[in-house]
């Protein structure tokens, strides 16, 4: 599995996304609530090939369920 999100549930208002890219590319990482509303932009930019750990704060988010969308250029 190329993507992991931990810890789940969140501890100390921080999460880490582990992602492995087969090639360098521009990506966007966005958090949405369960209604589909954009809640936060985690990352937007160029990433090199290989494994990456992206740590981010969940401090602004209310307790609940969220979706992280990872996408590249279309």
C-alpha atoms as a PDB file:
ATOM      1  CA  UNK A   1       0.000   0.000   0.000  1.00  0.00           C
ATOM      2  CA  UNK A   2       1.663   3.249  -1.104  1.00  0.00           C
ATOM      3  CA  UNK A   3      -0.229   5.534   1.320  1.00  0.00           C
ATOM      4  CA  UNK A   4      -0.570   5.440   5.117  1.00  0.00           C
ATOM      5  CA  UNK A   5      -2.182   7.887   7.534  1.00  0.00           C
ATOM      6  CA  UNK A   6      -1.340   7.723  11.225  1.00  0.00           C
ATOM      7  CA  UNK A   7      -1.983   7.848  14.126  1.00  0.00           C
ATOM      8  CA  UNK A   8      -5.663   7.040  13.841  1.00  0.00           C
ATOM      9  CA  UNK A   9      -7.322   8.295  15.923  1.00  0.00           C
ATOM     10  CA  UNK A  10      -5.319  11.527  16.053  1.00  0.00           C
ATOM     11  CA  UNK A  11      -2.980  12.090  19.013  1.00  0.00           C
ATOM     12  CA  UNK A  12      -1.764  15.553  20.097  1.00  0.00           C
ATOM     13  CA  UNK A  13      -3.559  17.189  17.137  1.00  0.00           C
ATOM     14  CA  UNK A  14      -0.970  15.933  14.608  1.00  0.00           C
ATOM     15  CA  UNK A  15      -1.163  13.363  11.836  1.00  0.00           C
ATOM     16  CA  UNK A  16       1.372  12.043   9.377  1.00  0.00           C
ATOM     17  CA  UNK A  17       0.671  11.028   5.821  1.00  0.00           C
ATOM     18  CA  UNK A  18       3.148   8.590   4.298  1.00  0.00           C
ATOM     19  CA  UNK A  19       3.117   8.588   0.504  1.00  0.00           C
ATOM     20  CA  UNK A  20       5.285   6.897  -2.106  1.00  0.00           C
ATOM     21  CA  UNK A  21       5.476   8.484  -5.557  1.00  0.00           C
ATOM     22  CA  UNK A  22       6.611   6.388  -8.535  1.00  0.00           C
ATOM     23  CA  UNK A  23       7.900   9.549 -10.238  1.00  0.00           C
ATOM     24  CA  UNK A  24       8.376  13.253  -9.507  1.00  0.00           C
ATOM     25  CA  UNK A  25       5.118  15.123  -9.893  1.00  0.00           C
ATOM     26  CA  UNK A  26       3.013  18.052  -8.777  1.00  0.00           C
ATOM     27  CA  UNK A  27       0.484  16.948  -6.165  1.00  0.00           C
ATOM     28  CA  UNK A  28      -2.272  18.427  -4.035  1.00  0.00           C
ATOM     29  CA  UNK A  29      -3.299  17.095  -0.611  1.00  0.00           C
ATOM     30  CA  UNK A  30      -6.655  18.381   0.596  1.00  0.00           C
ATOM     31  CA  UNK A  31      -8.893  17.577   3.592  1.00  0.00           C
ATOM     32  CA  UNK A  32     -12.670  17.451   3.129  1.00  0.00           C
ATOM     33  CA  UNK A  33     -15.438  16.941   5.655  1.00  0.00           C
ATOM     34  CA  UNK A  34     -18.005  14.199   5.078  1.00  0.00           C
ATOM     35  CA  UNK A  35     -20.292  16.706   3.315  1.00  0.00           C
ATOM     36  CA  UNK A  36     -17.595  17.367   0.707  1.00  0.00           C
ATOM     37  CA  UNK A  37     -16.573  20.806   1.986  1.00  0.00           C
ATOM     38  CA  UNK A  38     -12.902  21.690   1.630  1.00  0.00           C
ATOM     39  CA  UNK A  39     -11.525  22.118   5.166  1.00  0.00           C
ATOM     40  CA  UNK A  40      -7.765  22.484   4.654  1.00  0.00           C
ATOM     41  CA  UNK A  41      -4.960  22.404   2.098  1.00  0.00           C
ATOM     42  CA  UNK A  42      -2.112  20.272   3.451  1.00  0.00           C
ATOM     43  CA  UNK A  43       0.284  20.509   0.540  1.00  0.00           C
ATOM     44  CA  UNK A  44       0.350  21.868  -2.977  1.00  0.00           C
ATOM     45  CA  UNK A  45       3.485  21.658  -5.060  1.00  0.00           C
ATOM     46  CA  UNK A  46       6.167  19.545  -6.709  1.00  0.00           C
ATOM     47  CA  UNK A  47       7.401  16.391  -4.984  1.00  0.00           C
ATOM     48  CA  UNK A  48      10.304  14.225  -6.091  1.00  0.00           C
ATOM     49  CA  UNK A  49      10.054  10.500  -6.714  1.00  0.00           C
ATOM     50  CA  UNK A  50      10.156   8.238  -3.660  1.00  0.00           C
ATOM     51  CA  UNK A  51       8.785   8.072  -0.142  1.00  0.00           C
ATOM     52  CA  UNK A  52       7.629  11.128   1.794  1.00  0.00           C
ATOM     53  CA  UNK A  53       6.283  11.777   5.294  1.00  0.00           C
ATOM     54  CA  UNK A  54       4.042  14.833   5.544  1.00  0.00           C
ATOM     55  CA  UNK A  55       3.139  15.823   9.096  1.00  0.00           C
ATOM     56  CA  UNK A  56       0.316  18.300   9.659  1.00  0.00           C
ATOM     57  CA  UNK A  57      -1.759  19.808  12.441  1.00  0.00           C
ATOM     58  CA  UNK A  58      -5.398  18.869  12.903  1.00  0.00           C
ATOM     59  CA  UNK A  59      -5.867  21.612  15.499  1.00  0.00           C
ATOM     60  CA  UNK A  60      -8.339  23.616  13.388  1.00  0.00           C
ATOM     61  CA  UNK A  61     -10.564  20.601  12.687  1.00  0.00           C
ATOM     62  CA  UNK A  62     -13.469  19.668  14.921  1.00  0.00           C
ATOM     63  CA  UNK A  63     -13.672  16.023  16.054  1.00  0.00           C
ATOM     64  CA  UNK A  64     -15.222  13.866  13.343  1.00  0.00           C
ATOM     65  CA  UNK A  65     -14.561  11.986  10.131  1.00  0.00           C
ATOM     66  CA  UNK A  66     -12.640  13.526   7.240  1.00  0.00           C
ATOM     67  CA  UNK A  67     -11.359  12.503   3.833  1.00  0.00           C
ATOM     68  CA  UNK A  68      -7.929  13.301   2.417  1.00  0.00           C
ATOM     69  CA  UNK A  69      -7.779  13.687  -1.327  1.00  0.00           C
ATOM     70  CA  UNK A  70      -4.437  13.214  -3.053  1.00  0.00           C
ATOM     71  CA  UNK A  71      -4.244  14.119  -6.707  1.00  0.00           C
ATOM     72  CA  UNK A  72      -1.807  15.152  -9.381  1.00  0.00           C
ATOM     73  CA  UNK A  73      -2.162  16.995 -12.668  1.00  0.00           C
ATOM     74  CA  UNK A  74      -5.068  16.110 -14.893  1.00  0.00           C
END
